[in-house]
């Protein structure tokens, strides 16, 4: 995963509670930055990186995810006190997605770029990662050049916020998959399961978790960070053990719609 350095805060994107911002970096690119100083905290950034990389490994379209270094001094140029405070609290590594100029929000009323197979694959990924934030109210998807792109995975892996994490997390049911915005358009989730599960072997899971910076994971050093990374790999590995209950749960929800 690439690392870039923020050079200019361009504008806030006042959507949701995390206050992401459009930021220019030293590679002349524009990125949608999810700030470590936002209310959701570092675990939202972990989910952004891990689930974004899993989606890419599955062949789904996700804007490039990068780590972006933010200097708190950038806040000095911002007149808005709320933005000043956010940038000042976000010194160090943050998560960012490549900005897709001209992209439009996905609308279930006009599901551009969606096939039954693709819809089933997105539902499968979100069931695996317990993503609570892909609903008709907030689809977190864009349409760019006629293709569907997945964004904003900070609400996935939500059980890692629990004090008991990871105890019992992998076996937990995820009834909220019934609210998934693409479920009405999806083909068989079990067929998607057959296509996708073999792509997520241990090496691929480890590669998805590896870019997470040590200081996002808590603890006091590289050894503790390595243990924390392995917990995420073990959680996903356990979720992927056959038979995969999350896939059957999603398929049952799909059939109930019919």
Protein backbone atom coordinates (compact mmCIF):
# COMPACT_ATOMS: atom_id res chain seq x y z
CA UNK A 1 0.00 0.00 0.00
CA UNK A 2 1.37 3.39 -0.97
CA UNK A 3 2.02 6.21 1.49
CA UNK A 4 1.54 9.82 0.43
CA UNK A 5 1.87 13.10 2.31
CA UNK A 6 -0.92 15.67 2.58
CA UNK A 7 0.00 19.08 1.17
CA UNK A 8 -3.34 20.92 1.19
CA UNK A 9 -6.76 20.50 2.77
CA UNK A 10 -9.18 21.26 -0.07
CA UNK A 11 -12.72 20.97 1.30
CA UNK A 12 -14.74 19.01 3.85
CA UNK A 13 -17.18 16.35 2.68
CA UNK A 14 -19.93 16.79 5.22
CA UNK A 15 -21.48 13.35 4.89
CA UNK A 16 -21.94 11.04 7.84
CA UNK A 17 -20.37 11.56 11.21
CA UNK A 18 -16.71 11.11 10.36
CA UNK A 19 -16.19 14.44 8.51
CA UNK A 20 -13.95 13.13 5.72
CA UNK A 21 -12.10 15.74 3.72
CA UNK A 22 -10.82 16.14 0.18
CA UNK A 23 -7.06 16.54 0.45
CA UNK A 24 -4.28 17.10 -2.08
CA UNK A 25 -1.11 15.05 -1.64
CA UNK A 26 2.51 15.26 -2.71
CA UNK A 27 1.86 12.98 -5.71
CA UNK A 28 -0.54 15.67 -7.05
CA UNK A 29 -3.47 13.33 -6.41
CA UNK A 30 -6.73 14.14 -4.66
CA UNK A 31 -7.88 11.82 -1.89
CA UNK A 32 -10.90 11.45 0.34
CA UNK A 33 -9.27 11.26 3.76
CA UNK A 34 -10.75 9.46 6.76
CA UNK A 35 -9.12 11.20 9.71
CA UNK A 36 -7.83 9.36 12.73
CA UNK A 37 -9.03 12.21 14.93
CA UNK A 38 -12.70 11.68 13.96
CA UNK A 39 -15.18 10.29 16.44
CA UNK A 40 -15.12 6.75 15.05
CA UNK A 41 -11.46 6.40 15.96
CA UNK A 42 -8.67 4.24 14.62
CA UNK A 43 -10.71 1.05 14.33
CA UNK A 44 -12.75 2.65 11.57
CA UNK A 45 -9.50 3.26 9.69
CA UNK A 46 -8.47 -0.37 10.24
CA UNK A 47 -11.75 -1.52 8.70
CA UNK A 48 -11.31 0.90 5.80
CA UNK A 49 -7.93 -0.60 4.92
CA UNK A 50 -8.68 -4.27 5.56
CA UNK A 51 -12.08 -4.47 3.87
CA UNK A 52 -10.95 -2.31 0.97
CA UNK A 53 -8.06 -4.69 0.34
CA UNK A 54 -10.32 -7.74 0.66
CA UNK A 55 -12.70 -6.24 -1.91
CA UNK A 56 -9.82 -5.66 -4.28
CA UNK A 57 -8.61 -9.24 -3.81
CA UNK A 58 -12.10 -10.43 -4.79
CA UNK A 59 -12.04 -8.39 -8.00
CA UNK A 60 -14.54 -5.79 -6.82
CA UNK A 61 -13.98 -2.13 -7.69
CA UNK A 62 -12.69 0.00 -4.84
CA UNK A 63 -10.79 3.29 -5.23
CA UNK A 64 -7.14 2.86 -4.37
CA UNK A 65 -6.67 2.95 -0.61
CA UNK A 66 -3.50 4.72 0.57
CA UNK A 67 -1.99 5.80 3.83
CA UNK A 68 -1.70 9.56 4.01
CA UNK A 69 0.58 11.36 6.42
CA UNK A 70 -1.00 14.52 7.82
CA UNK A 71 0.97 17.31 9.44
CA UNK A 72 -1.16 19.07 12.09
CA UNK A 73 0.24 22.37 10.81
CA UNK A 74 -2.15 22.05 7.85
CA UNK A 75 -4.89 23.11 10.24
CA UNK A 76 -3.45 26.62 10.42
CA UNK A 77 -4.82 27.50 6.99
CA UNK A 78 -8.39 26.45 7.83
CA UNK A 79 -10.88 29.10 9.00
CA UNK A 80 -13.41 26.55 10.31
CA UNK A 81 -12.63 25.74 13.96
CA UNK A 82 -14.19 22.27 13.64
CA UNK A 83 -11.87 21.38 10.75
CA UNK A 84 -8.89 22.90 12.56
CA UNK A 85 -9.56 20.69 15.55
CA UNK A 86 -9.99 17.58 13.40
CA UNK A 87 -6.76 18.09 11.44
CA UNK A 88 -4.80 18.96 14.56
CA UNK A 89 -5.99 15.70 16.16
CA UNK A 90 -5.03 13.65 13.08
CA UNK A 91 -1.27 14.02 12.92
CA UNK A 92 0.42 10.92 11.54
CA UNK A 93 -1.00 8.18 9.33
CA UNK A 94 -4.59 8.39 8.13
CA UNK A 95 -6.60 6.34 5.62
CA UNK A 96 -7.51 7.79 2.23
CA UNK A 97 -9.30 6.73 -0.93
CA UNK A 98 -8.47 7.97 -4.40
CA UNK A 99 -11.00 10.63 -5.41
CA UNK A 100 -13.19 9.64 -8.37
CA UNK A 101 -14.04 12.92 -10.15
CA UNK A 102 -17.56 13.08 -11.49
CA UNK A 103 -18.73 9.91 -9.73
CA UNK A 104 -22.39 9.83 -8.73
CA UNK A 105 -23.95 8.17 -5.68
CA UNK A 106 -25.54 4.80 -6.37
CA UNK A 107 -29.33 4.89 -6.38
CA UNK A 108 -31.39 1.71 -5.95
CA UNK A 109 -34.09 3.38 -8.06
CA UNK A 110 -31.72 3.26 -11.05
CA UNK A 111 -29.20 0.49 -10.29
CA UNK A 112 -26.57 1.37 -12.88
CA UNK A 113 -23.67 -1.07 -13.16
CA UNK A 114 -25.36 -3.82 -11.15
CA UNK A 115 -25.79 -7.41 -12.33
CA UNK A 116 -27.24 -10.22 -10.18
CA UNK A 117 -23.78 -11.76 -9.89
CA UNK A 118 -22.10 -8.52 -8.84
CA UNK A 119 -24.85 -7.69 -6.35
CA UNK A 120 -24.49 -11.15 -4.80
CA UNK A 121 -20.73 -10.73 -4.50
CA UNK A 122 -21.03 -7.38 -2.74
CA UNK A 123 -23.62 -8.82 -0.36
CA UNK A 124 -21.29 -11.76 0.31
CA UNK A 125 -18.35 -9.48 1.14
CA UNK A 126 -20.47 -7.34 3.45
CA UNK A 127 -21.85 -10.42 5.19
CA UNK A 128 -18.33 -11.77 5.70
CA UNK A 129 -17.10 -8.48 7.15
CA UNK A 130 -20.30 -7.58 9.02
CA UNK A 131 -20.63 -4.25 7.25
CA UNK A 132 -23.56 -2.44 8.84
CA UNK A 133 -23.44 0.52 6.47
CA UNK A 134 -24.60 -0.50 2.98
CA UNK A 135 -28.30 0.24 3.28
CA UNK A 136 -30.79 2.11 1.05
CA UNK A 137 -30.40 5.08 3.40
CA UNK A 138 -26.63 5.12 2.95
CA UNK A 139 -25.46 2.79 0.14
CA UNK A 140 -21.77 3.81 0.27
CA UNK A 141 -21.35 3.04 -3.42
CA UNK A 142 -20.59 5.23 -6.42
CA UNK A 143 -21.21 4.90 -10.14
CA UNK A 144 -18.19 5.99 -12.15
CA UNK A 145 -17.91 5.50 -15.93
CA UNK A 146 -20.91 3.18 -15.74
CA UNK A 147 -19.29 0.86 -13.18
CA UNK A 148 -20.13 0.24 -9.53
CA UNK A 149 -17.46 1.27 -7.01
CA UNK A 150 -17.47 0.44 -3.30
CA UNK A 151 -16.46 3.09 -0.76
CA UNK A 152 -16.56 3.78 2.98
CA UNK A 153 -15.90 0.53 4.81
CA UNK A 154 -15.18 2.10 8.18
CA UNK A 155 -18.35 0.62 9.71
CA UNK A 156 -17.40 -2.95 8.76
CA UNK A 157 -15.82 -5.38 11.24
CA UNK A 158 -17.98 -3.61 13.79
CA UNK A 159 -17.50 -6.27 16.45
CA UNK A 160 -13.89 -5.19 16.89
CA UNK A 161 -15.27 -2.23 18.87
CA UNK A 162 -16.51 -4.59 21.59
CA UNK A 163 -14.57 -4.90 24.83
CA UNK A 164 -14.68 -8.69 24.41
CA UNK A 165 -13.10 -8.67 20.90
CA UNK A 166 -12.41 -11.17 19.39
CA UNK A 167 -14.23 -13.59 21.70
CA UNK A 168 -17.31 -14.99 19.94
CA UNK A 169 -17.10 -12.45 17.10
CA UNK A 170 -16.48 -14.88 14.25
CA UNK A 171 -19.47 -17.07 15.10
CA UNK A 172 -21.90 -14.19 15.63
CA UNK A 173 -24.90 -13.89 13.33
CA UNK A 174 -25.40 -10.80 11.20
CA UNK A 175 -29.13 -10.26 10.82
CA UNK A 176 -28.57 -6.74 9.47
CA UNK A 177 -27.59 -8.26 6.12
CA UNK A 178 -31.35 -8.32 5.44
CA UNK A 179 -31.17 -4.52 5.07
CA UNK A 180 -28.48 -4.59 2.38
CA UNK A 181 -29.26 -2.21 -0.49
CA UNK A 182 -28.23 -4.75 -3.16
CA UNK A 183 -30.04 -7.76 -1.74
CA UNK A 184 -33.15 -7.20 -3.94
CA UNK A 185 -30.92 -7.25 -7.04
CA UNK A 186 -28.74 -10.19 -6.03
CA UNK A 187 -28.48 -13.61 -7.57
CA UNK A 188 -27.65 -16.64 -5.46
CA UNK A 189 -25.41 -15.77 -2.51
CA UNK A 190 -24.42 -19.44 -2.26
CA UNK A 191 -23.15 -19.40 -5.83
CA UNK A 192 -21.23 -16.22 -5.04
CA UNK A 193 -19.84 -18.04 -2.02
CA UNK A 194 -18.47 -20.79 -4.26
CA UNK A 195 -16.80 -18.21 -6.50
CA UNK A 196 -15.34 -15.97 -3.83
CA UNK A 197 -14.36 -18.01 -0.79
CA UNK A 198 -11.44 -19.80 -2.53
CA UNK A 199 -9.89 -16.39 -3.33
CA UNK A 200 -9.42 -15.52 0.34
CA UNK A 201 -6.73 -17.91 1.51
CA UNK A 202 -4.52 -17.26 4.52
CA UNK A 203 -1.90 -15.42 2.47
CA UNK A 204 -4.52 -13.08 0.97
CA UNK A 205 -6.05 -12.35 4.38
CA UNK A 206 -2.61 -11.62 5.82
CA UNK A 207 -1.82 -9.32 2.90
CA UNK A 208 -5.05 -7.37 3.51
CA UNK A 209 -4.18 -6.80 7.17
CA UNK A 210 -0.45 -6.20 6.72
CA UNK A 211 -0.63 -2.50 5.68
CA UNK A 212 -2.38 -1.44 8.90
CA UNK A 213 0.13 0.79 10.73
CA UNK A 214 1.38 -0.40 14.09
CA UNK A 215 0.10 2.64 15.95
CA UNK A 216 -3.48 2.04 14.77
CA UNK A 217 -3.47 -1.32 16.54
CA UNK A 218 -2.72 -0.17 20.06
CA UNK A 219 -0.09 -1.71 22.26
CA UNK A 220 3.43 -0.47 22.68
CA UNK A 221 5.47 -1.92 19.87
CA UNK A 222 5.77 -3.98 16.72
CA UNK A 223 5.38 -7.30 18.53
CA UNK A 224 2.01 -6.34 20.02
CA UNK A 225 0.88 -4.92 16.67
CA UNK A 226 1.76 -8.21 14.98
CA UNK A 227 -0.40 -10.08 17.49
CA UNK A 228 -3.28 -7.68 16.85
CA UNK A 229 -2.97 -8.20 13.08
CA UNK A 230 -3.04 -11.96 13.53
CA UNK A 231 -6.26 -11.65 15.53
CA UNK A 232 -7.91 -10.04 12.49
CA UNK A 233 -6.58 -12.79 10.24
CA UNK A 234 -7.85 -15.47 12.62
CA UNK A 235 -11.25 -13.78 12.83
CA UNK A 236 -11.64 -13.74 9.05
CA UNK A 237 -10.25 -17.26 8.72
CA UNK A 238 -12.80 -18.56 11.18
CA UNK A 239 -15.60 -16.72 9.36
CA UNK A 240 -14.47 -18.43 6.15
CA UNK A 241 -14.46 -21.97 7.51
CA UNK A 242 -16.95 -24.15 5.63
CA UNK A 243 -19.85 -24.32 5.90
CA UNK A 244 -20.02 -20.54 5.95
CA UNK A 245 -22.99 -19.58 8.09
CA UNK A 246 -22.85 -15.92 7.01
CA UNK A 247 -23.44 -16.93 3.36
CA UNK A 248 -26.39 -19.13 4.27
CA UNK A 249 -27.82 -16.33 6.42
CA UNK A 250 -27.54 -13.86 3.52
CA UNK A 251 -29.11 -16.35 1.10
CA UNK A 252 -32.03 -16.92 3.46
CA UNK A 253 -32.57 -13.16 3.69
CA UNK A 254 -32.51 -12.92 -0.12
CA UNK A 255 -35.09 -15.67 -0.53
CA UNK A 256 -37.38 -14.06 2.02
CA UNK A 257 -37.51 -10.98 -0.19
CA UNK A 258 -38.95 -13.06 -3.00
